Structures are given as C-alpha cells and as structure tokens.
Amino acid sequence: MIRLYHREGTGRPVRVAWTLEELDVPYEVTRMDREEGKSDDHRRRHPLGRVPVLEDGGQLLYESGAICMQLADTHPEAGLLPPIGTAERGMAYQWVCFAPAEIEPPLFEAWMYAEHDPERSAKARKRFDAAAGAVHDRLDGAEYLVGDRFGVADIMVATTLLFTVRPGFFDELSPRLKEYVGRLRERPAFGRAAKRALL
C-alpha cells in the first residue's frame, strides 16, 4: 500500500493526494502533528523533517514535484505527463519546477512579513505578482499549462495559487487565474484529495 505522510498546517501534501486520486491509486494518509514531524522516525523519511513523503514498497520519496512526476511516470496510461523526449515533456518539467521555485517563496514571504516588515512584504508581493503573471500569460487562450490536457504541471501550479487563500489575496489574482484554479478545483479528484489531505 502506498502511504502519504502529511503534517498539520501544510498544504503541499494535497498535490500528491490529488495526483493519486487522478490516477485512481489506493493509498493511506498518515497525519502527524508538529512533534511527530520533528521525530527521529520522520527524519529517517525526510532529513529535514518535512512533508510530503511518499512510501511505496519500501521506497521513500520526498519533494512534491518529484513525487507527482514519479507517480505519473509509473501510470503513463493516465496521461498526466507528456511522453519523454517531447517538447511538451520539457514544458511540464518547467512548470512543475516553476511553482515551488518562483511562485511559492515570494508568496510565503509576502504573507509572513505582512505585519512585521511591510516593506519586505511588498517587495515579495511584487515578485509573486510577476510569477503569477507568467502563469496568466501562458493561459492566454489555453485551458491548461501544457498542450491541451490536464496534467501534473496544473496540479503543481494550481495548488500553489490556492495557497493565496489563507493570507487573503486569492481574490486579487487576475480573473483568468481565478477561473483556472476554480475550474480545476471542480475536478472530483481534487475534492477527494482535499478531503483526505485536510486542505
């Protein structure tokens, strides 16, 4: 049985749960509190004590983008990643990496420093807006980020944009981005994943 390790207070594991639900793969979720997340047991799964971690047949894998791509590769019939070696496959890699590298860091920095350091928060918000703008531009005339099909790239980017809900600036996203995220949230697999991963 595949096991997804999750810790309270983080939304990243929902990406993995969403991918698993899209693939219709059975899995269990192990939820940990903060102390359990810092334990030696969990640090054996992830050296920094973070989540998500996927356990599959004794293999442990961390980093949500890597997990989602690995799952898609082991179930190619679902089409969540384009074929290896194609230009579209390269674009999928690009957006899977773009979400945690370019969208997430300024988003969380803008949120964390909003009260204590408004100037730093404002600068981070500009970087976030620029990254979100790149997604907005890519979706001009397109329903999905890569080709004309939903995939791992959309899972990674849409969940990252959803992180704007808690700090309260989801409504400030462009109408195109709100429509994109809203449409993907209507997928049945997302609903099941959000419920299981307590998004």
N, C-alpha and C. Protein backbone atom coordinates (compact mmCIF):
# COMPACT_ATOMS: atom_id res chain seq x y z
N MET A 1 0.84 -1.20 0.00
CA MET A 1 0.00 0.00 0.00
C MET A 1 0.88 1.25 0.00
N ILE A 2 0.53 2.21 -0.82
CA ILE A 2 1.22 3.50 -0.84
C ILE A 2 0.79 4.30 0.38
N ARG A 3 1.75 4.94 1.02
CA ARG A 3 1.45 5.77 2.19
C ARG A 3 1.97 7.18 1.97
N LEU A 4 1.11 8.14 2.25
CA LEU A 4 1.45 9.55 2.15
C LEU A 4 1.57 10.13 3.56
N TYR A 5 2.75 10.65 3.87
CA TYR A 5 2.96 11.28 5.18
C TYR A 5 2.65 12.76 5.07
N HIS A 6 1.84 13.22 6.02
CA HIS A 6 1.28 14.57 6.00
C HIS A 6 1.45 15.17 7.40
N ARG A 7 1.63 16.47 7.49
CA ARG A 7 1.72 17.13 8.79
C ARG A 7 0.73 18.28 8.82
N GLU A 8 0.15 18.51 9.95
CA GLU A 8 -0.81 19.59 10.11
C GLU A 8 -0.18 20.94 9.74
N GLY A 9 -0.97 21.81 9.16
CA GLY A 9 -0.51 23.16 8.88
C GLY A 9 0.19 23.35 7.55
N THR A 10 0.22 22.34 6.71
CA THR A 10 0.85 22.49 5.40
C THR A 10 -0.07 21.96 4.30
N GLY A 11 -0.07 22.64 3.16
CA GLY A 11 -0.95 22.24 2.07
C GLY A 11 -0.27 21.44 0.97
N ARG A 12 1.05 21.32 1.04
CA ARG A 12 1.76 20.67 -0.07
C ARG A 12 1.36 19.21 -0.30
N PRO A 13 1.07 18.42 0.76
CA PRO A 13 0.70 17.02 0.50
C PRO A 13 -0.54 16.86 -0.36
N VAL A 14 -1.39 17.90 -0.44
CA VAL A 14 -2.59 17.74 -1.27
C VAL A 14 -2.22 17.54 -2.73
N ARG A 15 -1.05 18.04 -3.14
CA ARG A 15 -0.61 17.82 -4.53
C ARG A 15 -0.45 16.33 -4.81
N VAL A 16 0.15 15.65 -3.86
CA VAL A 16 0.38 14.22 -4.04
C VAL A 16 -0.94 13.47 -3.96
N ALA A 17 -1.78 13.83 -3.00
CA ALA A 17 -3.08 13.18 -2.89
C ALA A 17 -3.90 13.41 -4.16
N TRP A 18 -3.84 14.61 -4.71
CA TRP A 18 -4.58 14.92 -5.94
C TRP A 18 -4.09 14.03 -7.08
N THR A 19 -2.78 13.90 -7.21
CA THR A 19 -2.23 13.06 -8.26
C THR A 19 -2.67 11.62 -8.08
N LEU A 20 -2.60 11.11 -6.86
CA LEU A 20 -3.03 9.74 -6.59
C LEU A 20 -4.51 9.54 -6.91
N GLU A 21 -5.33 10.54 -6.58
CA GLU A 21 -6.76 10.44 -6.87
C GLU A 21 -7.02 10.47 -8.37
N GLU A 22 -6.29 11.31 -9.11
CA GLU A 22 -6.45 11.34 -10.57
C GLU A 22 -6.07 9.99 -11.18
N LEU A 23 -5.07 9.34 -10.57
CA LEU A 23 -4.61 8.04 -11.07
C LEU A 23 -5.46 6.88 -10.57
N ASP A 24 -6.35 7.16 -9.62
CA ASP A 24 -7.19 6.13 -9.01
C ASP A 24 -6.34 5.04 -8.36
N VAL A 25 -5.29 5.49 -7.67
CA VAL A 25 -4.38 4.56 -6.99
C VAL A 25 -4.72 4.55 -5.50
N PRO A 26 -4.93 3.39 -4.90
CA PRO A 26 -5.22 3.33 -3.46
C PRO A 26 -4.02 3.81 -2.64
N TYR A 27 -4.30 4.50 -1.56
CA TYR A 27 -3.23 4.98 -0.68
C TYR A 27 -3.79 5.26 0.70
N GLU A 28 -2.89 5.31 1.66
CA GLU A 28 -3.23 5.68 3.02
C GLU A 28 -2.53 6.99 3.36
N VAL A 29 -3.14 7.76 4.24
CA VAL A 29 -2.55 9.02 4.69
C VAL A 29 -2.19 8.89 6.16
N THR A 30 -0.94 9.17 6.50
CA THR A 30 -0.52 9.23 7.90
C THR A 30 -0.33 10.70 8.25
N ARG A 31 -1.17 11.19 9.15
CA ARG A 31 -1.09 12.59 9.57
C ARG A 31 -0.29 12.68 10.86
N MET A 32 0.63 13.62 10.88
CA MET A 32 1.47 13.81 12.05
C MET A 32 1.24 15.20 12.61
N ASP A 33 1.42 15.34 13.92
CA ASP A 33 1.44 16.69 14.49
C ASP A 33 2.87 17.22 14.37
N ARG A 34 3.11 18.43 14.84
CA ARG A 34 4.43 19.05 14.66
C ARG A 34 5.53 18.27 15.37
N GLU A 35 5.23 17.76 16.56
CA GLU A 35 6.24 17.00 17.29
C GLU A 35 6.59 15.70 16.57
N GLU A 36 5.60 15.02 16.06
CA GLU A 36 5.86 13.80 15.30
C GLU A 36 6.68 14.11 14.05
N GLY A 37 6.42 15.27 13.45
CA GLY A 37 7.16 15.68 12.26
C GLY A 37 8.63 15.93 12.54
N LYS A 38 8.96 16.26 13.80
CA LYS A 38 10.35 16.51 14.19
C LYS A 38 11.05 15.26 14.71
N SER A 39 10.32 14.17 14.80
CA SER A 39 10.85 12.96 15.43
C SER A 39 11.94 12.31 14.59
N ASP A 40 12.74 11.49 15.26
CA ASP A 40 13.78 10.74 14.55
C ASP A 40 13.18 9.81 13.51
N ASP A 41 12.01 9.24 13.83
CA ASP A 41 11.36 8.35 12.87
C ASP A 41 11.08 9.09 11.56
N HIS A 42 10.52 10.30 11.68
CA HIS A 42 10.20 11.01 10.45
C HIS A 42 11.45 11.55 9.76
N ARG A 43 12.46 11.91 10.54
CA ARG A 43 13.71 12.39 9.92
C ARG A 43 14.42 11.27 9.15
N ARG A 44 14.09 10.05 9.45
CA ARG A 44 14.61 8.95 8.64
C ARG A 44 13.89 8.89 7.29
N ARG A 45 12.69 9.44 7.27
CA ARG A 45 11.95 9.51 5.99
C ARG A 45 12.37 10.73 5.20
N HIS A 46 12.55 11.85 5.88
CA HIS A 46 12.94 13.11 5.26
C HIS A 46 14.00 13.75 6.15
N PRO A 47 15.19 14.02 5.65
CA PRO A 47 16.27 14.52 6.50
C PRO A 47 15.98 15.85 7.17
N LEU A 48 15.05 16.63 6.62
CA LEU A 48 14.69 17.91 7.21
C LEU A 48 13.38 17.86 7.97
N GLY A 49 12.78 16.68 8.04
CA GLY A 49 11.53 16.51 8.78
C GLY A 49 10.33 17.14 8.12
N ARG A 50 10.36 17.26 6.80
CA ARG A 50 9.27 17.94 6.09
C ARG A 50 8.31 16.94 5.45
N VAL A 51 7.26 17.48 4.88
CA VAL A 51 6.27 16.69 4.14
C VAL A 51 5.98 17.41 2.83
N PRO A 52 5.46 16.69 1.85
CA PRO A 52 5.05 15.30 1.88
C PRO A 52 6.22 14.33 1.70
N VAL A 53 5.98 13.12 2.18
CA VAL A 53 6.86 11.98 1.89
C VAL A 53 5.95 10.86 1.42
N LEU A 54 6.36 10.19 0.36
CA LEU A 54 5.60 9.05 -0.14
C LEU A 54 6.40 7.78 0.13
N GLU A 55 5.73 6.80 0.69
CA GLU A 55 6.34 5.48 0.90
C GLU A 55 5.63 4.49 0.01
N ASP A 56 6.40 3.82 -0.83
CA ASP A 56 5.83 2.89 -1.79
C ASP A 56 6.74 1.67 -1.90
N GLY A 57 6.30 0.56 -1.33
CA GLY A 57 7.09 -0.66 -1.41
C GLY A 57 8.45 -0.55 -0.76
N GLY A 58 8.54 0.21 0.31
CA GLY A 58 9.81 0.37 1.00
C GLY A 58 10.63 1.54 0.49
N GLN A 59 10.27 2.12 -0.66
CA GLN A 59 10.99 3.28 -1.17
C GLN A 59 10.36 4.55 -0.61
N LEU A 60 11.21 5.46 -0.15
CA LEU A 60 10.76 6.75 0.34
C LEU A 60 11.15 7.82 -0.67
N LEU A 61 10.21 8.73 -0.94
CA LEU A 61 10.46 9.81 -1.89
C LEU A 61 9.87 11.09 -1.32
N TYR A 62 10.65 12.17 -1.37
CA TYR A 62 10.13 13.47 -0.94
C TYR A 62 10.32 14.50 -2.04
N GLU A 63 9.79 15.71 -1.81
CA GLU A 63 9.63 16.81 -2.77
C GLU A 63 8.38 16.53 -3.62
N SER A 64 7.38 17.38 -3.43
CA SER A 64 6.07 17.12 -4.04
C SER A 64 6.13 17.01 -5.56
N GLY A 65 6.92 17.87 -6.21
CA GLY A 65 7.00 17.79 -7.67
C GLY A 65 7.59 16.47 -8.13
N ALA A 66 8.65 16.03 -7.45
CA ALA A 66 9.28 14.74 -7.80
C ALA A 66 8.31 13.59 -7.58
N ILE A 67 7.57 13.63 -6.48
CA ILE A 67 6.62 12.56 -6.19
C ILE A 67 5.53 12.51 -7.26
N CYS A 68 4.97 13.66 -7.59
CA CYS A 68 3.88 13.69 -8.57
C CYS A 68 4.35 13.21 -9.94
N MET A 69 5.56 13.62 -10.35
CA MET A 69 6.06 13.16 -11.64
C MET A 69 6.36 11.67 -11.63
N GLN A 70 6.91 11.17 -10.53
CA GLN A 70 7.18 9.74 -10.42
C GLN A 70 5.89 8.94 -10.51
N LEU A 71 4.87 9.39 -9.81
CA LEU A 71 3.57 8.70 -9.87
C LEU A 71 3.01 8.71 -11.29
N ALA A 72 3.11 9.87 -11.96
CA ALA A 72 2.61 9.95 -13.33
C ALA A 72 3.40 9.03 -14.26
N ASP A 73 4.71 8.93 -14.04
CA ASP A 73 5.53 8.06 -14.87
C ASP A 73 5.21 6.59 -14.67
N THR A 74 4.82 6.22 -13.46
CA THR A 74 4.51 4.81 -13.20
C THR A 74 3.09 4.45 -13.65
N HIS A 75 2.33 5.46 -14.08
CA HIS A 75 0.98 5.23 -14.61
C HIS A 75 0.82 6.07 -15.89
N PRO A 76 1.62 5.78 -16.91
CA PRO A 76 1.61 6.62 -18.11
C PRO A 76 0.28 6.62 -18.85
N GLU A 77 -0.51 5.57 -18.65
CA GLU A 77 -1.80 5.49 -19.34
C GLU A 77 -2.73 6.64 -18.97
N ALA A 78 -2.50 7.26 -17.81
CA ALA A 78 -3.35 8.36 -17.37
C ALA A 78 -3.04 9.66 -18.09
N GLY A 79 -1.86 9.78 -18.68
CA GLY A 79 -1.51 10.96 -19.46
C GLY A 79 -1.28 12.22 -18.65
N LEU A 80 -0.87 12.09 -17.39
CA LEU A 80 -0.60 13.28 -16.59
C LEU A 80 0.73 13.94 -16.92
N LEU A 81 1.58 13.24 -17.68
CA LEU A 81 2.82 13.81 -18.21
C LEU A 81 2.91 13.45 -19.69
N PRO A 82 3.37 14.37 -20.53
CA PRO A 82 3.57 14.05 -21.95
C PRO A 82 4.69 13.02 -22.10
N PRO A 83 4.81 12.42 -23.27
CA PRO A 83 5.85 11.41 -23.50
C PRO A 83 7.25 11.97 -23.29
N ILE A 84 8.14 11.13 -22.78
CA ILE A 84 9.54 11.51 -22.57
C ILE A 84 10.17 11.90 -23.91
N GLY A 85 10.96 12.96 -23.86
CA GLY A 85 11.68 13.40 -25.04
C GLY A 85 10.95 14.39 -25.90
N THR A 86 9.67 14.65 -25.60
CA THR A 86 8.91 15.61 -26.39
C THR A 86 9.10 17.02 -25.83
N ALA A 87 8.82 18.01 -26.67
CA ALA A 87 8.88 19.40 -26.22
C ALA A 87 7.88 19.65 -25.10
N GLU A 88 6.73 19.01 -25.18
CA GLU A 88 5.72 19.20 -24.13
C GLU A 88 6.20 18.63 -22.80
N ARG A 89 6.98 17.55 -22.86
CA ARG A 89 7.51 16.99 -21.61
C ARG A 89 8.43 18.03 -20.94
N GLY A 90 9.26 18.69 -21.75
CA GLY A 90 10.11 19.73 -21.21
C GLY A 90 9.31 20.86 -20.59
N MET A 91 8.20 21.23 -21.22
CA MET A 91 7.36 22.29 -20.66
C MET A 91 6.73 21.85 -19.34
N ALA A 92 6.38 20.57 -19.25
CA ALA A 92 5.84 20.07 -17.98
C ALA A 92 6.89 20.18 -16.88
N TYR A 93 8.14 19.79 -17.17
CA TYR A 93 9.21 19.96 -16.18
C TYR A 93 9.31 21.42 -15.77
N GLN A 94 9.25 22.31 -16.75
CA GLN A 94 9.39 23.74 -16.47
C GLN A 94 8.37 24.21 -15.44
N TRP A 95 7.09 23.89 -15.68
CA TRP A 95 6.05 24.41 -14.79
C TRP A 95 6.03 23.69 -13.44
N VAL A 96 6.39 22.40 -13.44
CA VAL A 96 6.47 21.69 -12.16
C VAL A 96 7.54 22.33 -11.28
N CYS A 97 8.65 22.73 -11.87
CA CYS A 97 9.72 23.40 -11.11
C CYS A 97 9.39 24.85 -10.80
N PHE A 98 8.67 25.51 -11.69
CA PHE A 98 8.35 26.92 -11.54
C PHE A 98 7.50 27.19 -10.29
N ALA A 99 6.56 26.28 -10.02
CA ALA A 99 5.65 26.51 -8.90
C ALA A 99 6.39 26.65 -7.56
N PRO A 100 7.21 25.66 -7.15
CA PRO A 100 7.89 25.82 -5.86
C PRO A 100 9.09 26.75 -5.89
N ALA A 101 9.65 27.00 -7.07
CA ALA A 101 10.84 27.85 -7.15
C ALA A 101 10.53 29.33 -7.30
N GLU A 102 9.47 29.66 -8.05
CA GLU A 102 9.21 31.06 -8.38
C GLU A 102 7.92 31.63 -7.80
N ILE A 103 6.92 30.78 -7.58
CA ILE A 103 5.64 31.27 -7.05
C ILE A 103 5.60 31.17 -5.53
N GLU A 104 5.95 30.02 -5.00
CA GLU A 104 5.83 29.80 -3.55
C GLU A 104 6.68 30.73 -2.69
N PRO A 105 7.99 30.85 -2.94
CA PRO A 105 8.82 31.62 -2.00
C PRO A 105 8.36 33.06 -1.79
N PRO A 106 8.08 33.84 -2.85
CA PRO A 106 7.63 35.20 -2.59
C PRO A 106 6.22 35.25 -2.00
N LEU A 107 5.40 34.25 -2.32
CA LEU A 107 4.06 34.21 -1.76
C LEU A 107 4.14 34.11 -0.23
N PHE A 108 4.93 33.14 0.25
CA PHE A 108 5.03 32.95 1.69
C PHE A 108 5.80 34.09 2.36
N GLU A 109 6.76 34.67 1.67
CA GLU A 109 7.48 35.80 2.24
C GLU A 109 6.55 37.00 2.39
N ALA A 110 5.74 37.26 1.39
CA ALA A 110 4.78 38.37 1.47
C ALA A 110 3.80 38.15 2.62
N TRP A 111 3.38 36.93 2.83
CA TRP A 111 2.44 36.60 3.88
C TRP A 111 3.09 36.72 5.26
N MET A 112 4.27 36.12 5.42
CA MET A 112 4.92 36.07 6.73
C MET A 112 5.34 37.43 7.25
N TYR A 113 5.70 38.34 6.35
CA TYR A 113 6.22 39.64 6.77
C TYR A 113 5.22 40.77 6.63
N ALA A 114 3.98 40.45 6.34
CA ALA A 114 2.97 41.49 6.10
C ALA A 114 2.83 42.45 7.28
N GLU A 115 2.89 41.94 8.51
CA GLU A 115 2.72 42.79 9.69
C GLU A 115 4.04 43.31 10.23
N HIS A 116 5.06 42.47 10.24
CA HIS A 116 6.32 42.84 10.91
C HIS A 116 7.27 43.65 10.03
N ASP A 117 7.18 43.46 8.72
CA ASP A 117 8.08 44.17 7.81
C ASP A 117 7.34 44.43 6.50
N PRO A 118 6.43 45.42 6.52
CA PRO A 118 5.60 45.69 5.34
C PRO A 118 6.40 45.98 4.07
N GLU A 119 7.56 46.61 4.22
CA GLU A 119 8.36 46.91 3.02
C GLU A 119 8.87 45.62 2.37
N ARG A 120 9.38 44.73 3.19
CA ARG A 120 9.84 43.44 2.66
C ARG A 120 8.68 42.67 2.06
N SER A 121 7.54 42.70 2.74
CA SER A 121 6.35 42.02 2.24
C SER A 121 5.93 42.55 0.88
N ALA A 122 5.97 43.86 0.73
CA ALA A 122 5.56 44.48 -0.54
C ALA A 122 6.50 44.08 -1.68
N LYS A 123 7.79 44.02 -1.39
CA LYS A 123 8.75 43.61 -2.42
C LYS A 123 8.52 42.15 -2.83
N ALA A 124 8.26 41.31 -1.83
CA ALA A 124 7.99 39.90 -2.12
C ALA A 124 6.69 39.77 -2.92
N ARG A 125 5.72 40.59 -2.58
CA ARG A 125 4.44 40.54 -3.30
C ARG A 125 4.64 40.89 -4.78
N LYS A 126 5.51 41.82 -5.07
CA LYS A 126 5.79 42.17 -6.47
C LYS A 126 6.39 40.98 -7.21
N ARG A 127 7.27 40.25 -6.54
CA ARG A 127 7.87 39.07 -7.17
C ARG A 127 6.81 37.99 -7.39
N PHE A 128 5.92 37.84 -6.41
CA PHE A 128 4.83 36.88 -6.58
C PHE A 128 3.94 37.28 -7.75
N ASP A 129 3.59 38.56 -7.81
CA ASP A 129 2.71 39.02 -8.88
C ASP A 129 3.34 38.78 -10.25
N ALA A 130 4.65 38.97 -10.34
CA ALA A 130 5.34 38.72 -11.62
C ALA A 130 5.27 37.24 -11.98
N ALA A 131 5.48 36.36 -10.99
CA ALA A 131 5.42 34.92 -11.26
C ALA A 131 4.00 34.50 -11.63
N ALA A 132 3.02 35.00 -10.89
CA ALA A 132 1.63 34.69 -11.22
C ALA A 132 1.28 35.24 -12.60
N GLY A 133 1.87 36.38 -12.95
CA GLY A 133 1.65 36.97 -14.27
C GLY A 133 2.15 36.07 -15.39
N ALA A 134 3.25 35.35 -15.14
CA ALA A 134 3.76 34.42 -16.15
C ALA A 134 2.76 33.29 -16.40
N VAL A 135 2.12 32.82 -15.34
CA VAL A 135 1.09 31.78 -15.49
C VAL A 135 -0.10 32.36 -16.24
N HIS A 136 -0.52 33.56 -15.85
CA HIS A 136 -1.62 34.26 -16.53
C HIS A 136 -1.36 34.35 -18.02
N ASP A 137 -0.17 34.74 -18.40
CA ASP A 137 0.16 34.90 -19.82
C ASP A 137 0.15 33.56 -20.54
N ARG A 138 0.64 32.53 -19.89
CA ARG A 138 0.67 31.21 -20.52
C ARG A 138 -0.74 30.69 -20.79
N LEU A 139 -1.68 31.06 -19.95
CA LEU A 139 -3.05 30.56 -20.09
C LEU A 139 -3.89 31.39 -21.05
N ASP A 140 -3.27 32.33 -21.74
CA ASP A 140 -4.00 33.14 -22.72
C ASP A 140 -4.47 32.23 -23.86
N GLY A 141 -5.75 31.97 -23.91
CA GLY A 141 -6.31 31.10 -24.95
C GLY A 141 -6.12 29.62 -24.68
N ALA A 142 -5.64 29.26 -23.52
CA ALA A 142 -5.41 27.84 -23.20
C ALA A 142 -6.11 27.47 -21.90
N GLU A 143 -6.58 26.24 -21.82
CA GLU A 143 -7.22 25.75 -20.60
C GLU A 143 -6.21 25.20 -19.62
N TYR A 144 -5.10 24.67 -20.14
CA TYR A 144 -4.10 24.03 -19.31
C TYR A 144 -2.71 24.56 -19.66
N LEU A 145 -1.75 24.30 -18.79
CA LEU A 145 -0.41 24.85 -18.98
C LEU A 145 0.38 24.16 -20.09
N VAL A 146 0.15 22.88 -20.26
CA VAL A 146 0.94 22.12 -21.24
C VAL A 146 0.00 21.45 -22.22
N GLY A 147 0.11 21.82 -23.49
CA GLY A 147 -0.74 21.23 -24.51
C GLY A 147 -2.20 21.52 -24.22
N ASP A 148 -3.02 20.59 -24.53
CA ASP A 148 -4.46 20.78 -24.32
C ASP A 148 -5.01 19.76 -23.33
N ARG A 149 -4.14 19.37 -22.39
CA ARG A 149 -4.55 18.32 -21.45
C ARG A 149 -4.11 18.63 -20.04
N PHE A 150 -4.98 18.34 -19.09
CA PHE A 150 -4.67 18.48 -17.66
C PHE A 150 -3.53 17.55 -17.29
N GLY A 151 -2.63 18.04 -16.42
CA GLY A 151 -1.52 17.19 -16.02
C GLY A 151 -0.87 17.66 -14.73
N VAL A 152 0.27 17.05 -14.43
CA VAL A 152 1.00 17.34 -13.20
C VAL A 152 1.37 18.82 -13.10
N ALA A 153 1.70 19.44 -14.22
CA ALA A 153 2.03 20.87 -14.20
C ALA A 153 0.88 21.68 -13.63
N ASP A 154 -0.35 21.35 -14.01
CA ASP A 154 -1.52 22.06 -13.49
C ASP A 154 -1.72 21.78 -12.00
N ILE A 155 -1.48 20.56 -11.59
CA ILE A 155 -1.61 20.22 -10.17
C ILE A 155 -0.65 21.08 -9.34
N MET A 156 0.59 21.15 -9.77
CA MET A 156 1.59 21.90 -9.02
C MET A 156 1.28 23.39 -8.98
N VAL A 157 0.94 23.97 -10.13
CA VAL A 157 0.72 25.42 -10.18
C VAL A 157 -0.60 25.80 -9.53
N ALA A 158 -1.66 25.06 -9.78
CA ALA A 158 -2.96 25.40 -9.19
C ALA A 158 -2.94 25.31 -7.67
N THR A 159 -2.29 24.28 -7.12
CA THR A 159 -2.24 24.19 -5.66
C THR A 159 -1.42 25.35 -5.08
N THR A 160 -0.37 25.75 -5.78
CA THR A 160 0.42 26.88 -5.28
C THR A 160 -0.41 28.16 -5.29
N LEU A 161 -1.15 28.39 -6.34
CA LEU A 161 -2.01 29.58 -6.39
C LEU A 161 -3.09 29.51 -5.31
N LEU A 162 -3.52 28.31 -4.96
CA LEU A 162 -4.51 28.17 -3.88
C LEU A 162 -3.95 28.58 -2.52
N PHE A 163 -2.64 28.55 -2.38
CA PHE A 163 -2.04 28.97 -1.12
C PHE A 163 -2.32 30.43 -0.83
N THR A 164 -2.78 31.19 -1.81
CA THR A 164 -3.11 32.61 -1.58
C THR A 164 -4.40 32.78 -0.79
N VAL A 165 -5.16 31.71 -0.62
CA VAL A 165 -6.44 31.83 0.09
C VAL A 165 -6.22 32.21 1.55
N ARG A 166 -5.32 31.52 2.24
CA ARG A 166 -5.11 31.78 3.68
C ARG A 166 -4.62 33.20 3.97
N PRO A 167 -3.66 33.73 3.22
CA PRO A 167 -3.27 35.12 3.50
C PRO A 167 -4.27 36.14 2.97
N GLY A 168 -5.27 35.69 2.24
CA GLY A 168 -6.35 36.59 1.86
C GLY A 168 -6.17 37.36 0.58
N PHE A 169 -5.28 36.89 -0.32
CA PHE A 169 -5.24 37.63 -1.58
C PHE A 169 -5.53 36.78 -2.81
N PHE A 170 -6.28 35.70 -2.62
CA PHE A 170 -6.75 34.94 -3.78
C PHE A 170 -7.63 35.82 -4.67
N ASP A 171 -8.49 36.62 -4.05
CA ASP A 171 -9.40 37.46 -4.83
C ASP A 171 -8.67 38.54 -5.62
N GLU A 172 -7.40 38.76 -5.30
CA GLU A 172 -6.63 39.76 -6.04
C GLU A 172 -5.93 39.17 -7.26
N LEU A 173 -6.02 37.85 -7.44
CA LEU A 173 -5.49 37.25 -8.65
C LEU A 173 -6.30 37.72 -9.85
N SER A 174 -5.73 37.60 -11.03
CA SER A 174 -6.45 38.00 -12.24
C SER A 174 -7.66 37.12 -12.44
N PRO A 175 -8.70 37.62 -13.10
CA PRO A 175 -9.87 36.78 -13.38
C PRO A 175 -9.50 35.48 -14.09
N ARG A 176 -8.52 35.54 -14.98
CA ARG A 176 -8.11 34.34 -15.71
C ARG A 176 -7.54 33.29 -14.75
N LEU A 177 -6.72 33.72 -13.80
CA LEU A 177 -6.14 32.77 -12.85
C LEU A 177 -7.21 32.23 -11.90
N LYS A 178 -8.12 33.08 -11.46
CA LYS A 178 -9.18 32.61 -10.58
C LYS A 178 -10.07 31.60 -11.29
N GLU A 179 -10.34 31.85 -12.56
CA GLU A 179 -11.16 30.90 -13.34
C GLU A 179 -10.44 29.58 -13.49
N TYR A 180 -9.14 29.64 -13.78
CA TYR A 180 -8.32 28.45 -13.94
C TYR A 180 -8.32 27.61 -12.67
N VAL A 181 -8.01 28.23 -11.55
CA VAL A 181 -7.97 27.50 -10.28
C VAL A 181 -9.36 26.98 -9.92
N GLY A 182 -10.36 27.82 -10.10
CA GLY A 182 -11.72 27.42 -9.77
C GLY A 182 -12.18 26.23 -10.59
N ARG A 183 -11.84 26.23 -11.86
CA ARG A 183 -12.23 25.12 -12.74
C ARG A 183 -11.53 23.83 -12.33
N LEU A 184 -10.26 23.92 -11.98
CA LEU A 184 -9.54 22.71 -11.58
C LEU A 184 -10.01 22.19 -10.22
N ARG A 185 -10.43 23.11 -9.37
CA ARG A 185 -10.95 22.68 -8.05
C ARG A 185 -12.24 21.89 -8.19
N GLU A 186 -12.91 22.01 -9.31
CA GLU A 186 -14.16 21.29 -9.52
C GLU A 186 -13.94 19.85 -9.94
N ARG A 187 -12.68 19.49 -10.25
CA ARG A 187 -12.41 18.11 -10.62
C ARG A 187 -12.70 17.20 -9.42
N PRO A 188 -13.43 16.12 -9.62
CA PRO A 188 -13.75 15.22 -8.50
C PRO A 188 -12.52 14.75 -7.74
N ALA A 189 -11.43 14.49 -8.46
CA ALA A 189 -10.22 14.01 -7.79
C ALA A 189 -9.67 15.05 -6.82
N PHE A 190 -9.79 16.33 -7.16
CA PHE A 190 -9.32 17.36 -6.24
C PHE A 190 -10.16 17.35 -4.97
N GLY A 191 -11.47 17.25 -5.12
CA GLY A 191 -12.34 17.23 -3.95
C GLY A 191 -12.00 16.09 -3.01
N ARG A 192 -11.76 14.92 -3.57
CA ARG A 192 -11.41 13.77 -2.74
C ARG A 192 -10.06 13.98 -2.06
N ALA A 193 -9.11 14.53 -2.82
CA ALA A 193 -7.79 14.76 -2.26
C ALA A 193 -7.81 15.80 -1.14
N ALA A 194 -8.54 16.87 -1.35
CA ALA A 194 -8.62 17.92 -0.34
C ALA A 194 -9.25 17.40 0.94
N LYS A 195 -10.20 16.54 0.80
CA LYS A 195 -10.86 15.97 1.98
C LYS A 195 -9.88 15.04 2.74
N ARG A 196 -9.14 14.23 2.01
CA ARG A 196 -8.23 13.29 2.66
C ARG A 196 -6.99 13.98 3.22
N ALA A 197 -6.52 15.02 2.52
CA ALA A 197 -5.31 15.70 2.98
C ALA A 197 -5.64 16.93 3.83
N LEU A 198 -6.93 17.11 4.13
CA LEU A 198 -7.38 18.20 5.02
C LEU A 198 -6.88 19.58 4.54
N LEU A 199 -7.06 19.85 3.27
CA LEU A 199 -6.66 21.16 2.75
C LEU A 199 -7.54 22.24 3.36
